[in-house]
PDB file of N, CA and C in Angstrom:
ATOM      1  N   MET A   1     -28.870  30.504  -2.716  1.00  0.00           N
ATOM      2  CA  MET A   1     -29.722  29.336  -2.842  1.00  0.00           C
ATOM      3  C   MET A   1     -29.749  28.898  -4.300  1.00  0.00           C
ATOM      4  N   LYS A   2     -29.601  27.609  -4.510  1.00  0.00           N
ATOM      5  CA  LYS A   2     -29.606  27.048  -5.851  1.00  0.00           C
ATOM      6  C   LYS A   2     -31.035  26.652  -6.228  1.00  0.00           C
ATOM      7  N   PHE A   3     -31.366  26.895  -7.494  1.00  0.00           N
ATOM      8  CA  PHE A   3     -32.692  26.551  -7.997  1.00  0.00           C
ATOM      9  C   PHE A   3     -32.590  25.443  -9.034  1.00  0.00           C
ATOM     10  N   TYR A   4     -33.647  24.648  -9.093  1.00  0.00           N
ATOM     11  CA  TYR A   4     -33.758  23.556 -10.047  1.00  0.00           C
ATOM     12  C   TYR A   4     -35.067  23.751 -10.799  1.00  0.00           C
ATOM     13  N   PHE A   5     -35.049  23.450 -12.068  1.00  0.00           N
ATOM     14  CA  PHE A   5     -36.201  23.689 -12.915  1.00  0.00           C
ATOM     15  C   PHE A   5     -36.639  22.401 -13.593  1.00  0.00           C
ATOM     16  N   VAL A   6     -37.927  22.139 -13.514  1.00  0.00           N
ATOM     17  CA  VAL A   6     -38.545  21.080 -14.301  1.00  0.00           C
ATOM     18  C   VAL A   6     -39.273  21.810 -15.412  1.00  0.00           C
ATOM     19  N   TYR A   7     -39.104  21.322 -16.638  1.00  0.00           N
ATOM     20  CA  TYR A   7     -39.644  22.054 -17.778  1.00  0.00           C
ATOM     21  C   TYR A   7     -40.213  21.115 -18.828  1.00  0.00           C
ATOM     22  N   ILE A   8     -41.095  21.676 -19.638  1.00  0.00           N
ATOM     23  CA  ILE A   8     -41.637  20.954 -20.790  1.00  0.00           C
ATOM     24  C   ILE A   8     -41.324  21.773 -22.029  1.00  0.00           C
ATOM     25  N   LEU A   9     -40.772  21.091 -23.026  1.00  0.00           N
ATOM     26  CA  LEU A   9     -40.498  21.703 -24.316  1.00  0.00           C
ATOM     27  C   LEU A   9     -41.470  21.151 -25.338  1.00  0.00           C
ATOM     28  N   LYS A  10     -41.862  21.990 -26.275  1.00  0.00           N
ATOM     29  CA  LYS A  10     -42.619  21.510 -27.431  1.00  0.00           C
ATOM     30  C   LYS A  10     -41.633  21.432 -28.583  1.00  0.00           C
ATOM     31  N   CYS A  11     -41.506  20.261 -29.149  1.00  0.00           N
ATOM     32  CA  CYS A  11     -40.554  20.029 -30.225  1.00  0.00           C
ATOM     33  C   CYS A  11     -41.179  20.360 -31.578  1.00  0.00           C
ATOM     34  N   SER A  12     -40.325  20.468 -32.599  1.00  0.00           N
ATOM     35  CA  SER A  12     -40.802  20.836 -33.940  1.00  0.00           C
ATOM     36  C   SER A  12     -41.770  19.805 -34.514  1.00  0.00           C
ATOM     37  N   ASP A  13     -41.723  18.557 -34.026  1.00  0.00           N
ATOM     38  CA  ASP A  13     -42.664  17.532 -34.490  1.00  0.00           C
ATOM     39  C   ASP A  13     -43.915  17.472 -33.614  1.00  0.00           C
ATOM     40  N   THR A  14     -44.094  18.462 -32.749  1.00  0.00           N
ATOM     41  CA  THR A  14     -45.209  18.646 -31.808  1.00  0.00           C
ATOM     42  C   THR A  14     -45.172  17.693 -30.603  1.00  0.00           C
ATOM     43  N   SER A  15     -44.140  16.876 -30.490  1.00  0.00           N
ATOM     44  CA  SER A  15     -44.021  16.035 -29.300  1.00  0.00           C
ATOM     45  C   SER A  15     -43.551  16.899 -28.135  1.00  0.00           C
ATOM     46  N   TYR A  16     -43.651  16.351 -26.935  1.00  0.00           N
ATOM     47  CA  TYR A  16     -43.223  17.053 -25.742  1.00  0.00           C
ATOM     48  C   TYR A  16     -41.988  16.371 -25.160  1.00  0.00           C
ATOM     49  N   TYR A  17     -41.108  17.185 -24.601  1.00  0.00           N
ATOM     50  CA  TYR A  17     -39.933  16.690 -23.893  1.00  0.00           C
ATOM     51  C   TYR A  17     -39.970  17.269 -22.486  1.00  0.00           C
ATOM     52  N   VAL A  18     -39.791  16.416 -21.485  1.00  0.00           N
ATOM     53  CA  VAL A  18     -39.770  16.843 -20.091  1.00  0.00           C
ATOM     54  C   VAL A  18     -38.346  16.692 -19.573  1.00  0.00           C
ATOM     55  N   GLY A  19     -37.845  17.732 -18.924  1.00  0.00           N
ATOM     56  CA  GLY A  19     -36.487  17.681 -18.401  1.00  0.00           C
ATOM     57  C   GLY A  19     -36.345  18.430 -17.097  1.00  0.00           C
ATOM     58  N   MET A  20     -35.128  18.348 -16.539  1.00  0.00           N
ATOM     59  CA  MET A  20     -34.788  19.037 -15.295  1.00  0.00           C
ATOM     60  C   MET A  20     -33.376  19.583 -15.424  1.00  0.00           C
ATOM     61  N   THR A  21     -33.151  20.775 -14.883  1.00  0.00           N
ATOM     62  CA  THR A  21     -31.833  21.385 -14.930  1.00  0.00           C
ATOM     63  C   THR A  21     -31.686  22.406 -13.808  1.00  0.00           C
ATOM     64  N   SER A  22     -30.449  22.753 -13.521  1.00  0.00           N
ATOM     65  CA  SER A  22     -30.195  23.841 -12.579  1.00  0.00           C
ATOM     66  C   SER A  22     -29.771  25.108 -13.321  1.00  0.00           C
ATOM     67  N   ASN A  23     -29.596  25.009 -14.639  1.00  0.00           N
ATOM     68  CA  ASN A  23     -29.234  26.170 -15.449  1.00  0.00           C
ATOM     69  C   ASN A  23     -30.089  26.165 -16.713  1.00  0.00           C
ATOM     70  N   LEU A  24     -31.236  26.792 -16.640  1.00  0.00           N
ATOM     71  CA  LEU A  24     -32.212  26.718 -17.721  1.00  0.00           C
ATOM     72  C   LEU A  24     -31.707  27.350 -19.022  1.00  0.00           C
ATOM     73  N   GLY A  25     -31.056  28.502 -18.924  1.00  0.00           N
ATOM     74  CA  GLY A  25     -30.556  29.157 -20.123  1.00  0.00           C
ATOM     75  C   GLY A  25     -29.560  28.297 -20.876  1.00  0.00           C
ATOM     76  N   GLU A  26     -28.614  27.737 -20.150  1.00  0.00           N
ATOM     77  CA  GLU A  26     -27.614  26.863 -20.770  1.00  0.00           C
ATOM     78  C   GLU A  26     -28.259  25.618 -21.367  1.00  0.00           C
ATOM     79  N   ARG A  27     -29.208  25.046 -20.631  1.00  0.00           N
ATOM     80  CA  ARG A  27     -29.861  23.822 -21.110  1.00  0.00           C
ATOM     81  C   ARG A  27     -30.676  24.087 -22.372  1.00  0.00           C
ATOM     82  N   MET A  28     -31.344  25.224 -22.441  1.00  0.00           N
ATOM     83  CA  MET A  28     -32.093  25.566 -23.652  1.00  0.00           C
ATOM     84  C   MET A  28     -31.146  25.728 -24.846  1.00  0.00           C
ATOM     85  N   ASN A  29     -30.007  26.367 -24.602  1.00  0.00           N
ATOM     86  CA  ASN A  29     -29.005  26.499 -25.670  1.00  0.00           C
ATOM     87  C   ASN A  29     -28.526  25.133 -26.143  1.00  0.00           C
ATOM     88  N   GLN A  30     -28.311  24.213 -25.209  1.00  0.00           N
ATOM     89  CA  GLN A  30     -27.886  22.866 -25.583  1.00  0.00           C
ATOM     90  C   GLN A  30     -28.950  22.162 -26.416  1.00  0.00           C
ATOM     91  N   HIS A  31     -30.204  22.278 -26.008  1.00  0.00           N
ATOM     92  CA  HIS A  31     -31.285  21.645 -26.780  1.00  0.00           C
ATOM     93  C   HIS A  31     -31.334  22.195 -28.198  1.00  0.00           C
ATOM     94  N   ASN A  32     -31.305  23.503 -28.347  1.00  0.00           N
ATOM     95  CA  ASN A  32     -31.489  24.104 -29.669  1.00  0.00           C
ATOM     96  C   ASN A  32     -30.236  24.115 -30.534  1.00  0.00           C
ATOM     97  N   SER A  33     -29.060  24.007 -29.941  1.00  0.00           N
ATOM     98  CA  SER A  33     -27.829  23.983 -30.743  1.00  0.00           C
ATOM     99  C   SER A  33     -27.514  22.578 -31.246  1.00  0.00           C
ATOM    100  N   GLY A  34     -28.137  21.580 -30.662  1.00  0.00           N
ATOM    101  CA  GLY A  34     -27.860  20.208 -31.074  1.00  0.00           C
ATOM    102  C   GLY A  34     -26.542  19.702 -30.521  1.00  0.00           C
ATOM    103  N   GLU A  35     -26.183  20.149 -29.345  1.00  0.00           N
ATOM    104  CA  GLU A  35     -24.911  19.782 -28.723  1.00  0.00           C
ATOM    105  C   GLU A  35     -24.782  18.280 -28.482  1.00  0.00           C
ATOM    106  N   PHE A  36     -25.905  17.614 -28.270  1.00  0.00           N
ATOM    107  CA  PHE A  36     -25.879  16.180 -27.985  1.00  0.00           C
ATOM    108  C   PHE A  36     -26.667  15.428 -29.071  1.00  0.00           C
ATOM    109  N   PRO A  37     -25.980  14.893 -30.091  1.00  0.00           N
ATOM    110  CA  PRO A  37     -26.667  14.220 -31.206  1.00  0.00           C
ATOM    111  C   PRO A  37     -27.519  13.023 -30.791  1.00  0.00           C
ATOM    112  N   GLU A  38     -27.224  12.426 -29.629  1.00  0.00           N
ATOM    113  CA  GLU A  38     -27.999  11.262 -29.182  1.00  0.00           C
ATOM    114  C   GLU A  38     -29.263  11.658 -28.421  1.00  0.00           C
ATOM    115  N   ALA A  39     -29.439  12.943 -28.159  1.00  0.00           N
ATOM    116  CA  ALA A  39     -30.573  13.419 -27.363  1.00  0.00           C
ATOM    117  C   ALA A  39     -31.890  13.349 -28.134  1.00  0.00           C
ATOM    118  N   TYR A  40     -32.972  13.177 -27.396  1.00  0.00           N
ATOM    119  CA  TYR A  40     -34.317  13.106 -27.992  1.00  0.00           C
ATOM    120  C   TYR A  40     -34.618  14.331 -28.842  1.00  0.00           C
ATOM    121  N   THR A  41     -34.221  15.494 -28.363  1.00  0.00           N
ATOM    122  CA  THR A  41     -34.575  16.747 -29.052  1.00  0.00           C
ATOM    123  C   THR A  41     -33.704  17.044 -30.267  1.00  0.00           C
ATOM    124  N   TYR A  42     -32.625  16.325 -30.457  1.00  0.00           N
ATOM    125  CA  TYR A  42     -31.675  16.642 -31.532  1.00  0.00           C
ATOM    126  C   TYR A  42     -32.349  16.737 -32.904  1.00  0.00           C
ATOM    127  N   LYS A  43     -33.128  15.735 -33.266  1.00  0.00           N
ATOM    128  CA  LYS A  43     -33.798  15.710 -34.578  1.00  0.00           C
ATOM    129  C   LYS A  43     -35.156  16.399 -34.544  1.00  0.00           C
ATOM    130  N   ARG A  44     -35.485  17.015 -33.421  1.00  0.00           N
ATOM    131  CA  ARG A  44     -36.797  17.657 -33.258  1.00  0.00           C
ATOM    132  C   ARG A  44     -36.654  19.154 -32.997  1.00  0.00           C
ATOM    133  N   ARG A  45     -35.540  19.721 -33.402  1.00  0.00           N
ATOM    134  CA  ARG A  45     -35.275  21.154 -33.212  1.00  0.00           C
ATOM    135  C   ARG A  45     -35.953  21.958 -34.309  1.00  0.00           C
ATOM    136  N   PRO A  46     -36.295  23.199 -34.024  1.00  0.00           N
ATOM    137  CA  PRO A  46     -36.101  23.896 -32.751  1.00  0.00           C
ATOM    138  C   PRO A  46     -37.152  23.461 -31.722  1.00  0.00           C
ATOM    139  N   VAL A  47     -36.805  23.675 -30.478  1.00  0.00           N
ATOM    140  CA  VAL A  47     -37.724  23.381 -29.382  1.00  0.00           C
ATOM    141  C   VAL A  47     -38.102  24.695 -28.715  1.00  0.00           C
ATOM    142  N   LYS A  48     -39.283  24.690 -28.112  1.00  0.00           N
ATOM    143  CA  LYS A  48     -39.802  25.900 -27.457  1.00  0.00           C
ATOM    144  C   LYS A  48     -40.188  25.557 -26.020  1.00  0.00           C
ATOM    145  N   LEU A  49     -39.742  26.372 -25.076  1.00  0.00           N
ATOM    146  CA  LEU A  49     -40.094  26.205 -23.670  1.00  0.00           C
ATOM    147  C   LEU A  49     -41.549  26.623 -23.481  1.00  0.00           C
ATOM    148  N   ILE A  50     -42.386  25.682 -22.984  1.00  0.00           N
ATOM    149  CA  ILE A  50     -43.808  26.010 -22.835  1.00  0.00           C
ATOM    150  C   ILE A  50     -44.326  25.871 -21.409  1.00  0.00           C
ATOM    151  N   TRP A  51     -43.532  25.276 -20.519  1.00  0.00           N
ATOM    152  CA  TRP A  51     -43.940  25.146 -19.121  1.00  0.00           C
ATOM    153  C   TRP A  51     -42.702  25.009 -18.256  1.00  0.00           C
ATOM    154  N   ILE A  52     -42.743  25.613 -17.071  1.00  0.00           N
ATOM    155  CA  ILE A  52     -41.607  25.541 -16.152  1.00  0.00           C
ATOM    156  C   ILE A  52     -42.094  25.642 -14.716  1.00  0.00           C
ATOM    157  N   GLU A  53     -41.426  24.914 -13.840  1.00  0.00           N
ATOM    158  CA  GLU A  53     -41.674  24.991 -12.402  1.00  0.00           C
ATOM    159  C   GLU A  53     -40.314  25.033 -11.708  1.00  0.00           C
ATOM    160  N   GLN A  54     -40.199  25.879 -10.711  1.00  0.00           N
ATOM    161  CA  GLN A  54     -38.935  26.083  -9.998  1.00  0.00           C
ATOM    162  C   GLN A  54     -38.970  25.398  -8.641  1.00  0.00           C
ATOM    163  N   PHE A  55     -37.844  24.778  -8.268  1.00  0.00           N
ATOM    164  CA  PHE A  55     -37.703  24.076  -6.990  1.00  0.00           C
ATOM    165  C   PHE A  55     -36.396  24.494  -6.323  1.00  0.00           C
ATOM    166  N   THR A  56     -36.352  24.364  -5.011  1.00  0.00           N
ATOM    167  CA  THR A  56     -35.091  24.552  -4.296  1.00  0.00           C
ATOM    168  C   THR A  56     -34.524  23.207  -3.848  1.00  0.00           C
ATOM    169  N   ASN A  57     -35.327  22.172  -3.896  1.00  0.00           N
ATOM    170  CA  ASN A  57     -34.908  20.833  -3.492  1.00  0.00           C
ATOM    171  C   ASN A  57     -34.731  19.968  -4.741  1.00  0.00           C
ATOM    172  N   PRO A  58     -33.515  19.507  -5.031  1.00  0.00           N
ATOM    173  CA  PRO A  58     -33.302  18.718  -6.248  1.00  0.00           C
ATOM    174  C   PRO A  58     -34.057  17.392  -6.253  1.00  0.00           C
ATOM    175  N   ASP A  59     -34.278  16.807  -5.095  1.00  0.00           N
ATOM    176  CA  ASP A  59     -35.016  15.546  -5.031  1.00  0.00           C
ATOM    177  C   ASP A  59     -36.481  15.735  -5.421  1.00  0.00           C
ATOM    178  N   LEU A  60     -37.077  16.846  -4.965  1.00  0.00           N
ATOM    179  CA  LEU A  60     -38.464  17.140  -5.355  1.00  0.00           C
ATOM    180  C   LEU A  60     -38.557  17.407  -6.849  1.00  0.00           C
ATOM    181  N   ALA A  61     -37.586  18.128  -7.395  1.00  0.00           N
ATOM    182  CA  ALA A  61     -37.573  18.417  -8.826  1.00  0.00           C
ATOM    183  C   ALA A  61     -37.444  17.130  -9.634  1.00  0.00           C
ATOM    184  N   ALA A  62     -36.528  16.267  -9.238  1.00  0.00           N
ATOM    185  CA  ALA A  62     -36.338  14.995  -9.948  1.00  0.00           C
ATOM    186  C   ALA A  62     -37.592  14.131  -9.878  1.00  0.00           C
ATOM    187  N   GLY A  63     -38.255  14.139  -8.726  1.00  0.00           N
ATOM    188  CA  GLY A  63     -39.500  13.385  -8.585  1.00  0.00           C
ATOM    189  C   GLY A  63     -40.593  13.921  -9.492  1.00  0.00           C
ATOM    190  N   MET A  64     -40.700  15.239  -9.579  1.00  0.00           N
ATOM    191  CA  MET A  64     -41.701  15.858 -10.447  1.00  0.00           C
ATOM    192  C   MET A  64     -41.409  15.546 -11.913  1.00  0.00           C
ATOM    193  N   GLU A  65     -40.148  15.635 -12.303  1.00  0.00           N
ATOM    194  CA  GLU A  65     -39.776  15.314 -13.689  1.00  0.00           C
ATOM    195  C   GLU A  65     -40.182  13.880 -14.029  1.00  0.00           C
ATOM    196  N   LYS A  66     -39.846  12.958 -13.165  1.00  0.00           N
ATOM    197  CA  LYS A  66     -40.177  11.549 -13.402  1.00  0.00           C
ATOM    198  C   LYS A  66     -41.683  11.344 -13.479  1.00  0.00           C
ATOM    199  N   GLN A  67     -42.413  11.998 -12.593  1.00  0.00           N
ATOM    200  CA  GLN A  67     -43.873  11.873 -12.579  1.00  0.00           C
ATOM    201  C   GLN A  67     -44.472  12.380 -13.893  1.00  0.00           C
ATOM    202  N   ILE A  68     -44.069  13.566 -14.319  1.00  0.00           N
ATOM    203  CA  ILE A  68     -44.636  14.150 -15.544  1.00  0.00           C
ATOM    204  C   ILE A  68     -44.266  13.314 -16.770  1.00  0.00           C
ATOM    205  N   LYS A  69     -43.055  12.776 -16.787  1.00  0.00           N
ATOM    206  CA  LYS A  69     -42.647  11.943 -17.925  1.00  0.00           C
ATOM    207  C   LYS A  69     -43.577  10.752 -18.110  1.00  0.00           C
ATOM    208  N   GLY A  70     -44.182  10.280 -17.024  1.00  0.00           N
ATOM    209  CA  GLY A  70     -45.091   9.142 -17.104  1.00  0.00           C
ATOM    210  C   GLY A  70     -46.516   9.500 -17.495  1.00  0.00           C
ATOM    211  N   TRP A  71     -46.793  10.783 -17.613  1.00  0.00           N
ATOM    212  CA  TRP A  71     -48.155  11.225 -17.931  1.00  0.00           C
ATOM    213  C   TRP A  71     -48.468  11.105 -19.414  1.00  0.00           C
ATOM    214  N   SER A  72     -49.757  11.012 -19.690  1.00  0.00           N
ATOM    215  CA  SER A  72     -50.226  11.018 -21.077  1.00  0.00           C
ATOM    216  C   SER A  72     -50.062  12.422 -21.670  1.00  0.00           C
ATOM    217  N   ARG A  73     -50.123  12.490 -22.981  1.00  0.00           N
ATOM    218  CA  ARG A  73     -50.046  13.783 -23.668  1.00  0.00           C
ATOM    219  C   ARG A  73     -51.169  14.708 -23.203  1.00  0.00           C
ATOM    220  N   LYS A  74     -52.391  14.163 -23.067  1.00  0.00           N
ATOM    221  CA  LYS A  74     -53.532  14.981 -22.643  1.00  0.00           C
ATOM    222  C   LYS A  74     -53.318  15.565 -21.251  1.00  0.00           C
ATOM    223  N   LYS A  75     -52.749  14.770 -20.367  1.00  0.00           N
ATOM    224  CA  LYS A  75     -52.515  15.241 -19.005  1.00  0.00           C
ATOM    225  C   LYS A  75     -51.424  16.320 -18.993  1.00  0.00           C
ATOM    226  N   LYS A  76     -50.361  16.141 -19.791  1.00  0.00           N
ATOM    227  CA  LYS A  76     -49.323  17.173 -19.905  1.00  0.00           C
ATOM    228  C   LYS A  76     -49.921  18.470 -20.447  1.00  0.00           C
ATOM    229  N   GLU A  77     -50.799  18.363 -21.428  1.00  0.00           N
ATOM    230  CA  GLU A  77     -51.421  19.561 -21.997  1.00  0.00           C
ATOM    231  C   GLU A  77     -52.313  20.258 -20.985  1.00  0.00           C
ATOM    232  N   ALA A  78     -52.995  19.511 -20.136  1.00  0.00           N
ATOM    233  CA  ALA A  78     -53.814  20.116 -19.078  1.00  0.00           C
ATOM    234  C   ALA A  78     -52.921  20.888 -18.112  1.00  0.00           C
ATOM    235  N   LEU A  79     -51.763  20.337 -17.777  1.00  0.00           N
ATOM    236  CA  LEU A  79     -50.818  21.030 -16.907  1.00  0.00           C
ATOM    237  C   LEU A  79     -50.315  22.308 -17.570  1.00  0.00           C
ATOM    238  N   ILE A  80     -49.937  22.220 -18.815  1.00  0.00           N
ATOM    239  CA  ILE A  80     -49.423  23.377 -19.561  1.00  0.00           C
ATOM    240  C   ILE A  80     -50.465  24.494 -19.592  1.00  0.00           C
ATOM    241  N   LYS A  81     -51.723  24.117 -19.802  1.00  0.00           N
ATOM    242  CA  LYS A  81     -52.813  25.101 -19.893  1.00  0.00           C
ATOM    243  C   LYS A  81     -53.353  25.523 -18.525  1.00  0.00           C
ATOM    244  N   LYS A  82     -52.842  24.909 -17.478  1.00  0.00           N
ATOM    245  CA  LYS A  82     -53.322  25.161 -16.113  1.00  0.00           C
ATOM    246  C   LYS A  82     -54.814  24.867 -15.985  1.00  0.00           C
ATOM    247  N   ASP A  83     -55.228  23.821 -16.672  1.00  0.00           N
ATOM    248  CA  ASP A  83     -56.622  23.373 -16.628  1.00  0.00           C
ATOM    249  C   ASP A  83     -56.721  22.299 -15.541  1.00  0.00           C
ATOM    250  N   TRP A  84     -56.921  22.768 -14.313  1.00  0.00           N
ATOM    251  CA  TRP A  84     -56.863  21.873 -13.163  1.00  0.00           C
ATOM    252  C   TRP A  84     -57.983  20.837 -13.173  1.00  0.00           C
ATOM    253  N   GLU A  85     -59.151  21.187 -13.694  1.00  0.00           N
ATOM    254  CA  GLU A  85     -60.250  20.216 -13.754  1.00  0.00           C
ATOM    255  C   GLU A  85     -59.890  19.053 -14.664  1.00  0.00           C
ATOM    256  N   LYS A  86     -59.334  19.361 -15.831  1.00  0.00           N
ATOM    257  CA  LYS A  86     -58.934  18.308 -16.767  1.00  0.00           C
ATOM    258  C   LYS A  86     -57.775  17.494 -16.194  1.00  0.00           C
ATOM    259  N   LEU A  87     -56.859  18.161 -15.514  1.00  0.00           N
ATOM    260  CA  LEU A  87     -55.731  17.455 -14.914  1.00  0.00           C
ATOM    261  C   LEU A  87     -56.233  16.411 -13.916  1.00  0.00           C
ATOM    262  N   ILE A  88     -57.208  16.795 -13.114  1.00  0.00           N
ATOM    263  CA  ILE A  88     -57.800  15.853 -12.159  1.00  0.00           C
ATOM    264  C   ILE A  88     -58.529  14.734 -12.892  1.00  0.00           C
ATOM    265  N   GLU A  89     -59.281  15.103 -13.913  1.00  0.00           N
ATOM    266  CA  GLU A  89     -60.018  14.100 -14.685  1.00  0.00           C
ATOM    267  C   GLU A  89     -59.063  13.083 -15.300  1.00  0.00           C
ATOM    268  N   TYR A  90     -57.961  13.545 -15.877  1.00  0.00           N
ATOM    269  CA  TYR A  90     -57.004  12.645 -16.520  1.00  0.00           C
ATOM    270  C   TYR A  90     -56.168  11.872 -15.512  1.00  0.00           C
ATOM    271  N   SER A  91     -56.276  12.240 -14.235  1.00  0.00           N
ATOM    272  CA  SER A  91     -55.528  11.556 -13.181  1.00  0.00           C
ATOM    273  C   SER A  91     -56.314  10.405 -12.567  1.00  0.00           C
ATOM    274  N   ARG A  92     -57.577  10.340 -12.855  1.00  0.00           N
ATOM    275  CA  ARG A  92     -58.428   9.313 -12.242  1.00  0.00           C
ATOM    276  C   ARG A  92     -57.993   7.918 -12.664  1.00  0.00           C
ATOM    277  N   ASN A  93     -58.130   7.006 -11.742  1.00  0.00           N
ATOM    278  CA  ASN A  93     -57.892   5.601 -12.014  1.00  0.00           C
ATOM    279  C   ASN A  93     -59.215   5.032 -12.523  1.00  0.00           C
ATOM    280  N   TYR A  94     -59.326   4.879 -13.835  1.00  0.00           N
ATOM    281  CA  TYR A  94     -60.604   4.478 -14.426  1.00  0.00           C
ATOM    282  C   TYR A  94     -61.006   3.058 -14.065  1.00  0.00           C
ATOM    283  N   THR A  95     -60.063   2.213 -13.694  1.00  0.00           N
ATOM    284  CA  THR A  95     -60.454   0.874 -13.273  1.00  0.00           C
ATOM    285  C   THR A  95     -61.160   0.925 -11.921  1.00  0.00           C
ATOM    286  N   GLN A  96     -60.866   1.964 -11.125  1.00  0.00           N
ATOM    287  CA  GLN A  96     -61.503   2.110  -9.807  1.00  0.00           C
ATOM    288  C   GLN A  96     -62.765   2.956  -9.898  1.00  0.00           C
ATOM    289  N   PHE A  97     -62.711   4.056 -10.653  1.00  0.00           N
ATOM    290  CA  PHE A  97     -63.815   5.016 -10.662  1.00  0.00           C
ATOM    291  C   PHE A  97     -64.703   4.926 -11.903  1.00  0.00           C
ATOM    292  N   GLY A  98     -64.271   4.286 -12.951  1.00  0.00           N
ATOM    293  CA  GLY A  98     -65.036   4.224 -14.178  1.00  0.00           C
ATOM    294  C   GLY A  98     -64.826   5.494 -14.997  1.00  0.00           C
ATOM    295  N   LYS A  99     -65.140   5.416 -16.274  1.00  0.00           N
ATOM    296  CA  LYS A  99     -64.976   6.562 -17.160  1.00  0.00           C
ATOM    297  C   LYS A  99     -66.091   7.577 -16.906  1.00  0.00           C
ATOM    298  N   PRO A 100     -65.771   8.882 -17.060  1.00  0.00           N
ATOM    299  CA  PRO A 100     -66.813   9.888 -16.868  1.00  0.00           C
ATOM    300  C   PRO A 100     -67.862   9.814 -17.964  1.00  0.00           C
ATOM    301  N   ASP A 101     -69.052  10.288 -17.664  1.00  0.00           N
ATOM    302  CA  ASP A 101     -70.164  10.266 -18.653  1.00  0.00           C
ATOM    303  C   ASP A 101     -69.912  11.237 -19.772  1.00  0.00           C
TER     304      ASP A 101
END
């Protein structure tokens, strides 16, 4: 069975990079070696793996990667910290529910 990984890296400039791969070890080597000069992480090395989720379905993995890429920094940090209450709070549609007190 083939596995797919959605991951978050913390870059040297403290930004986050979200990606997906089927070979995590190789992909981490590519990020940190600077194999692709046009890549987001190239000028932000070294990078550190701080969150990972494993999938067996590549479509689900790709969907999760796309979803997380659209999240705010605060929401990504809630996911990284496994702070489910904050993740829910940052997921609210404030135009519908209003801001919390």
